[in-house]
Amino acid sequence: MNSRQKEKNGHTDASKKILIVSENLEALKSARAYLSSEGYSIFTASTLDQATALCHNFSPALLIYDLDYSSEITEKILRVLRDFWE
C-alpha cells in the first residue's frame, strides 16, 4: 500500500516521526529522501547533542541508529535516548 492509498484509508504516515542517527551524511540523505517520499517526517542527527535536541523538540516515534559508531559513543547515545523515552 503506497502513501496515497494510506491517506485515502485515513491511515496517513505523515504524522509518524523518525529520527535517523548516523555519521554517514550520504546515508542520512538517502534515507531521508526515501522515507519522506513515503510520507514520514524525518529528522536526522550525526551527533549525540543533535539527537538529544531532536528528541526533546519533536518526540520521534522511531529511531534508526547507525551501528558504525564506536561502542563508547553507541552506549552514551543509547543511554540518553532510552532515558528520553522512559
Foldseek 3Di string as FASTA:
>chain_A
DAQVVCVVVVNHQLLAEEEEEALPPVVLVVVCVVVVRRNYHYHYYDALVSVLVCCVPPVHPYYHYDPPDPPVRVVVSVVSVVVSVD
